[in-house]
Amino acid sequence: MPLNLKALQNPDLLKEEILKLKEERNAIILAHNYQIAEVQDIADFVGDSLELSRAAASLESDIIVFCGVDFMAETAAILSPEKKVLLPAADACCPMAEMITVGELQVLKSRFPQASVVCYVNTSAEVKAESDICCTSSNAVNVVNSLDAEQIIFVPDRNLARYVARFTSKEILPWEGFCFVHDRITFEDVIQVRNLHPTAEVLVHPECKPEVIDLADEVLSTSGMIKHVCSSNSKEFIIGTEVGILHQMKKKCPGKSCYSLSAEAICTNMKKTDLHKVYSALETLRPVVAVSTDIAEKARKAIEKMLAV
């Protein structure tokens, strides 16, 4: 039933209605670490791309409500074809994923026929289907080193590709895509924030530029950052990734102080999902994210190879 005006205006009532409807639908709610705090708090599972991929495949439900961006919901649909996958914010896309097309990848493969193709999970289902194996920021080095080929076409993130190149003897052929959130973090940002918090550890995401990575104490995925903050003896941290992660750090690592490396580290697409859209998705069972059978079968092989690594 559609919500009354009182429930729409009251966040606590809205959360209650979402939880009630979630049980009725036998649904689970997955949220990325970059989602707004209210959405993270209503989710059954919050994590990074790799963790959410595993959760989508393993958790029992009829419906997955994916609070993230399009490629993440596609990945869930590929891994769980028997489930209905909903993306509450239908227009939540990943600009980096759109920086590589199937046609462009096919041209690359024709130029380097001996190379294996590693695609970051931040890609479309069609690009995954054209790749040998997927990776995430947390397992990219292991994925590349698991392959027999000595040449690796790495799409679409140039910064992650160059980071991986530091830890392998293989020749990495990077595509010139990038995450606008991480790519805009500068060398000067690190110097400035470090001067403000001289005892803080600097943690940055591998999607950052090489000169930013060079200044960091640790280079970690989003979930890797959370684990490090919670386990480290340090009390202060400068966080070089999207600001949404600070909410999880506050919840899971009480007593630690975390500062954003850049006030501009905001992914507008990750912020498009709100509680009203989550409720609407559960109420209407829309928008549905589906992947054609032939594309899904090919893409699933690349994703499952990654999960095996």
Protein backbone atom coordinates (compact mmCIF):
# COMPACT_ATOMS: atom_id res chain seq x y z
CA MET A 1 0.00 0.00 0.00
CA PRO A 2 1.25 3.54 -0.75
CA LEU A 3 2.46 5.39 2.33
CA ASN A 4 0.36 8.09 3.95
CA LEU A 5 1.71 11.63 4.25
CA LYS A 6 2.66 11.17 7.90
CA ALA A 7 4.88 8.17 7.17
CA LEU A 8 6.48 9.90 4.19
CA GLN A 9 7.52 12.81 6.39
CA ASN A 10 8.76 10.77 9.35
CA PRO A 11 12.09 8.92 8.78
CA ASP A 12 11.48 6.51 11.66
CA LEU A 13 8.04 5.54 10.38
CA LEU A 14 9.44 5.20 6.88
CA LYS A 15 12.15 2.83 8.13
CA GLU A 16 9.52 0.74 9.92
CA GLU A 17 7.47 0.47 6.75
CA ILE A 18 10.54 -0.51 4.72
CA LEU A 19 11.43 -3.28 7.18
CA LYS A 20 7.84 -4.53 7.20
CA LEU A 21 7.60 -4.57 3.42
CA LYS A 22 11.02 -6.17 3.12
CA GLU A 23 9.83 -9.11 5.21
CA GLU A 24 6.62 -9.43 3.19
CA ARG A 25 8.59 -9.49 -0.06
CA ASN A 26 11.32 -11.83 1.24
CA ALA A 27 13.84 -9.23 0.15
CA ILE A 28 17.34 -8.24 1.22
CA ILE A 29 18.76 -4.73 1.00
CA LEU A 30 22.40 -4.34 -0.06
CA ALA A 31 24.14 -0.97 0.21
CA HIS A 32 27.55 0.23 -0.86
CA ASN A 33 29.83 2.03 1.61
CA TYR A 34 29.30 5.26 -0.36
CA GLN A 35 25.52 5.41 0.14
CA ILE A 36 23.94 8.05 2.37
CA ALA A 37 23.87 7.21 6.09
CA GLU A 38 20.10 6.54 6.24
CA VAL A 39 20.32 3.97 3.46
CA GLN A 40 23.34 2.26 4.99
CA ASP A 41 21.47 1.98 8.28
CA ILE A 42 18.45 0.26 6.71
CA ALA A 43 20.53 -2.28 4.77
CA ASP A 44 20.99 -5.95 5.63
CA PHE A 45 24.55 -5.77 4.34
CA VAL A 46 26.92 -2.86 3.69
CA GLY A 47 30.21 -3.36 1.90
CA ASP A 48 32.45 -2.81 -1.09
CA SER A 49 31.96 -4.19 -4.59
CA LEU A 50 33.55 -7.58 -3.87
CA GLU A 51 31.64 -8.10 -0.63
CA LEU A 52 28.35 -7.09 -2.23
CA SER A 53 28.99 -9.45 -5.17
CA ARG A 54 29.47 -12.32 -2.74
CA ALA A 55 26.43 -11.32 -0.69
CA ALA A 56 24.22 -11.13 -3.77
CA ALA A 57 25.19 -14.68 -4.72
CA SER A 58 24.97 -16.24 -1.26
CA LEU A 59 22.14 -14.62 0.70
CA GLU A 60 18.73 -16.29 0.55
CA SER A 61 15.93 -14.08 -0.78
CA ASP A 62 13.52 -13.67 -3.65
CA ILE A 63 14.39 -10.01 -4.19
CA ILE A 64 17.58 -7.96 -3.98
CA VAL A 65 17.23 -4.23 -3.43
CA PHE A 66 20.60 -2.89 -4.54
CA CYS A 67 21.45 0.54 -3.15
CA GLY A 68 24.35 1.45 -5.37
CA VAL A 69 24.86 2.12 -9.07
CA ASP A 70 23.87 0.28 -12.23
CA PHE A 71 26.86 -2.00 -12.75
CA MET A 72 26.52 -3.31 -9.19
CA ALA A 73 22.87 -4.24 -9.70
CA GLU A 74 23.80 -5.86 -13.02
CA THR A 75 26.44 -7.95 -11.25
CA ALA A 76 23.87 -9.10 -8.72
CA ALA A 77 21.46 -10.02 -11.55
CA ILE A 78 24.21 -11.98 -13.31
CA LEU A 79 25.15 -13.93 -10.18
CA SER A 80 21.55 -14.50 -9.05
CA PRO A 81 19.44 -14.97 -12.20
CA GLU A 82 16.66 -16.59 -10.17
CA LYS A 83 16.19 -13.43 -8.08
CA LYS A 84 14.56 -10.12 -8.97
CA VAL A 85 17.08 -7.28 -8.65
CA LEU A 86 15.83 -3.77 -8.00
CA LEU A 87 17.84 -0.55 -8.36
CA PRO A 88 15.90 2.10 -6.38
CA ALA A 89 17.61 4.99 -8.17
CA ALA A 90 17.16 3.98 -11.80
CA ASP A 91 19.47 6.75 -13.06
CA ALA A 92 22.35 5.94 -10.70
CA CYS A 93 25.17 5.17 -13.11
CA CYS A 94 28.95 4.91 -12.89
CA PRO A 95 30.66 7.40 -15.25
CA MET A 96 33.85 5.33 -15.24
CA ALA A 97 31.97 2.22 -16.35
CA GLU A 98 30.67 4.20 -19.31
CA MET A 99 34.22 5.12 -20.39
CA ILE A 100 34.77 1.74 -22.07
CA THR A 101 32.47 0.11 -24.64
CA VAL A 102 32.39 -3.39 -26.06
CA GLY A 103 33.51 -2.08 -29.46
CA GLU A 104 36.53 -0.33 -27.98
CA LEU A 105 37.49 -3.44 -26.03
CA GLN A 106 37.19 -5.59 -29.14
CA VAL A 107 39.58 -3.27 -30.98
CA LEU A 108 42.07 -3.60 -28.11
CA LYS A 109 41.81 -7.37 -28.19
CA SER A 110 42.48 -7.43 -31.93
CA ARG A 111 45.62 -5.34 -31.42
CA PHE A 112 46.93 -7.50 -28.58
CA PRO A 113 45.69 -11.04 -29.36
CA GLN A 114 48.01 -12.69 -26.80
CA ALA A 115 46.81 -10.54 -23.93
CA SER A 116 44.28 -11.52 -21.27
CA VAL A 117 41.55 -9.03 -20.47
CA VAL A 118 41.00 -8.00 -16.86
CA CYS A 119 38.00 -5.76 -16.35
CA TYR A 120 37.33 -3.86 -13.19
CA VAL A 121 33.92 -4.74 -11.76
CA ASN A 122 33.01 -1.10 -12.51
CA THR A 123 32.00 -2.03 -16.07
CA SER A 124 28.86 -2.93 -17.96
CA ALA A 125 27.66 -6.52 -18.26
CA GLU A 126 28.57 -6.41 -21.98
CA VAL A 127 32.19 -5.49 -21.21
CA LYS A 128 32.39 -8.21 -18.55
CA ALA A 129 31.13 -10.70 -21.13
CA GLU A 130 34.00 -9.71 -23.45
CA SER A 131 36.62 -10.11 -20.67
CA ASP A 132 38.57 -13.06 -19.35
CA ILE A 133 38.19 -12.19 -15.68
CA CYS A 134 36.85 -9.42 -13.45
CA CYS A 135 38.53 -7.78 -10.48
CA THR A 136 37.81 -5.31 -7.71
CA SER A 137 40.13 -2.82 -6.05
CA SER A 138 40.76 -5.29 -3.22
CA ASN A 139 41.78 -8.26 -5.37
CA ALA A 140 43.12 -6.70 -8.60
CA VAL A 141 46.76 -7.58 -7.90
CA ASN A 142 45.94 -11.20 -7.08
CA VAL A 143 43.70 -11.50 -10.13
CA VAL A 144 46.38 -10.22 -12.51
CA ASN A 145 49.07 -12.44 -11.00
CA SER A 146 46.79 -15.48 -11.26
CA LEU A 147 46.81 -15.32 -15.07
CA ASP A 148 49.24 -17.13 -17.37
CA ALA A 149 49.40 -14.34 -19.95
CA GLU A 150 52.31 -11.91 -19.78
CA GLN A 151 50.30 -9.07 -21.35
CA ILE A 152 47.21 -7.78 -19.55
CA ILE A 153 44.61 -5.46 -21.04
CA PHE A 154 43.23 -3.67 -17.98
CA VAL A 155 39.97 -1.73 -18.30
CA PRO A 156 38.70 0.84 -17.59
CA ASP A 157 40.59 2.49 -14.68
CA ARG A 158 44.05 3.77 -15.57
CA ASN A 159 44.94 4.56 -11.93
CA LEU A 160 44.08 1.09 -10.65
CA ALA A 161 45.95 -0.40 -13.62
CA ARG A 162 49.08 1.59 -12.77
CA TYR A 163 48.79 0.61 -9.13
CA VAL A 164 48.60 -3.07 -10.09
CA ALA A 165 51.64 -2.63 -12.34
CA ARG A 166 53.73 -1.91 -9.24
CA PHE A 167 53.16 -5.47 -8.00
CA THR A 168 53.53 -7.61 -11.10
CA SER A 169 56.12 -8.43 -13.72
CA LYS A 170 53.40 -8.61 -16.36
CA GLU A 171 52.96 -5.88 -18.94
CA ILE A 172 49.86 -3.88 -18.08
CA LEU A 173 48.04 -2.16 -20.94
CA PRO A 174 45.73 0.37 -19.25
CA TRP A 175 42.62 1.92 -20.71
CA GLU A 176 42.39 5.66 -20.04
CA GLY A 177 39.27 5.63 -17.88
CA PHE A 178 39.08 7.00 -14.35
CA CYS A 179 36.84 7.58 -11.34
CA PHE A 180 36.16 11.31 -11.19
CA VAL A 181 35.86 11.20 -7.38
CA HIS A 182 39.29 9.68 -6.80
CA ASP A 183 41.03 11.24 -9.79
CA ARG A 184 40.28 14.75 -8.51
CA ILE A 185 42.17 14.12 -5.24
CA THR A 186 45.53 15.85 -5.58
CA PHE A 187 49.05 15.76 -4.19
CA GLU A 188 48.33 19.18 -2.68
CA ASP A 189 45.23 17.85 -0.91
CA VAL A 190 47.34 15.26 0.91
CA ILE A 191 49.94 17.83 1.97
CA GLN A 192 47.31 20.26 3.18
CA VAL A 193 45.28 17.78 5.24
CA ARG A 194 48.40 16.11 6.61
CA ASN A 195 49.60 19.48 7.89
CA LEU A 196 46.28 19.83 9.73
CA HIS A 197 46.53 16.31 11.23
CA PRO A 198 50.25 15.46 11.37
CA THR A 199 49.85 12.28 13.45
CA ALA A 200 47.09 10.78 11.29
CA GLU A 201 47.60 7.81 8.99
CA VAL A 202 46.78 8.52 5.35
CA LEU A 203 44.65 5.81 3.71
CA VAL A 204 43.84 6.14 0.02
CA HIS A 205 41.95 4.11 -2.56
CA PRO A 206 43.92 2.55 -5.46
CA GLU A 207 41.72 4.52 -7.89
CA CYS A 208 43.71 7.61 -6.82
CA LYS A 209 46.48 9.11 -8.94
CA PRO A 210 50.02 7.68 -8.57
CA GLU A 211 51.36 10.82 -6.89
CA VAL A 212 48.62 10.58 -4.25
CA ILE A 213 49.33 6.89 -3.69
CA ASP A 214 53.01 7.71 -3.22
CA LEU A 215 52.17 9.91 -0.23
CA ALA A 216 49.85 7.40 1.46
CA ASP A 217 50.60 5.18 4.42
CA GLU A 218 48.22 2.51 3.14
CA VAL A 219 46.43 1.84 -0.16
CA LEU A 220 43.21 -0.04 0.48
CA SER A 221 39.72 -0.82 -0.81
CA THR A 222 36.82 0.75 1.07
CA SER A 223 36.26 -2.29 3.28
CA GLY A 224 40.01 -2.63 3.68
CA MET A 225 40.09 0.90 5.04
CA ILE A 226 37.35 0.17 7.58
CA LYS A 227 39.15 -2.96 8.80
CA HIS A 228 42.44 -1.09 9.06
CA VAL A 229 40.95 1.80 11.02
CA CYS A 230 39.30 -0.59 13.47
CA SER A 231 42.43 -2.70 14.03
CA SER A 232 45.16 -0.04 13.93
CA ASN A 233 46.75 1.36 17.09
CA SER A 234 46.52 4.81 15.53
CA LYS A 235 43.71 7.11 16.65
CA GLU A 236 43.53 9.48 13.67
CA PHE A 237 43.10 8.75 9.97
CA ILE A 238 42.90 10.77 6.77
CA ILE A 239 40.58 8.95 4.37
CA GLY A 240 41.16 9.26 0.64
CA THR A 241 37.94 7.95 -0.85
CA GLU A 242 34.26 8.90 -1.13
CA VAL A 243 32.95 10.59 2.02
CA GLY A 244 30.11 8.08 2.54
CA ILE A 245 32.57 5.63 4.08
CA LEU A 246 33.01 7.87 7.13
CA HIS A 247 29.60 6.75 8.39
CA GLN A 248 30.66 3.10 8.56
CA MET A 249 33.94 4.05 10.21
CA LYS A 250 32.10 5.99 12.89
CA LYS A 251 29.79 3.03 13.54
CA LYS A 252 32.36 0.25 13.46
CA CYS A 253 35.43 2.02 14.83
CA PRO A 254 34.29 4.11 17.82
CA GLY A 255 36.98 6.18 19.44
CA LYS A 256 38.82 6.77 16.16
CA SER A 257 38.89 10.14 14.37
CA CYS A 258 38.58 10.04 10.58
CA TYR A 259 38.96 13.05 8.29
CA SER A 260 38.10 13.23 4.62
CA LEU A 261 41.07 13.87 2.36
CA SER A 262 38.94 16.04 0.10
CA ALA A 263 35.60 17.73 0.70
CA GLU A 264 34.94 17.22 -3.03
CA ALA A 265 35.17 13.41 -2.78
CA ILE A 266 31.45 12.97 -3.35
CA CYS A 267 29.89 10.61 -5.87
CA THR A 268 26.61 12.23 -6.88
CA ASN A 269 25.32 8.98 -8.37
CA MET A 270 25.86 7.12 -5.09
CA LYS A 271 23.80 9.79 -3.33
CA LYS A 272 20.73 9.37 -5.57
CA THR A 273 19.25 6.59 -3.46
CA ASP A 274 17.16 7.61 -0.45
CA LEU A 275 14.65 5.93 1.87
CA HIS A 276 11.68 6.98 -0.25
CA LYS A 277 13.18 5.31 -3.31
CA VAL A 278 13.96 2.16 -1.34
CA TYR A 279 10.37 1.97 -0.15
CA SER A 280 9.02 2.67 -3.62
CA ALA A 281 11.17 -0.10 -5.11
CA LEU A 282 9.87 -2.61 -2.57
CA GLU A 283 6.29 -1.43 -2.97
CA THR A 284 6.19 -1.46 -6.80
CA LEU A 285 8.97 -4.04 -7.43
CA ARG A 286 10.54 -1.56 -9.82
CA PRO A 287 12.90 -0.54 -11.40
CA VAL A 288 14.09 -4.04 -12.30
CA VAL A 289 17.64 -4.62 -13.53
CA ALA A 290 17.93 -7.59 -15.87
CA VAL A 291 20.70 -8.91 -18.12
CA SER A 292 20.04 -10.95 -21.26
CA THR A 293 20.79 -14.66 -20.91
CA ASP A 294 23.63 -14.80 -23.44
CA ILE A 295 25.44 -11.77 -21.98
CA ALA A 296 24.85 -12.98 -18.42
CA GLU A 297 26.31 -16.42 -19.11
CA LYS A 298 29.53 -14.97 -20.53
CA ALA A 299 29.83 -12.29 -17.85
CA ARG A 300 29.16 -14.81 -15.09
CA LYS A 301 32.23 -16.79 -16.11
CA ALA A 302 34.45 -13.71 -15.71
CA ILE A 303 32.92 -12.86 -12.34
CA GLU A 304 33.09 -16.43 -11.02
CA LYS A 305 36.76 -16.65 -12.01
CA MET A 306 37.34 -13.54 -9.91
CA LEU A 307 35.44 -14.98 -6.93
CA ALA A 308 37.50 -18.18 -7.20
CA VAL A 309 40.71 -16.13 -6.93
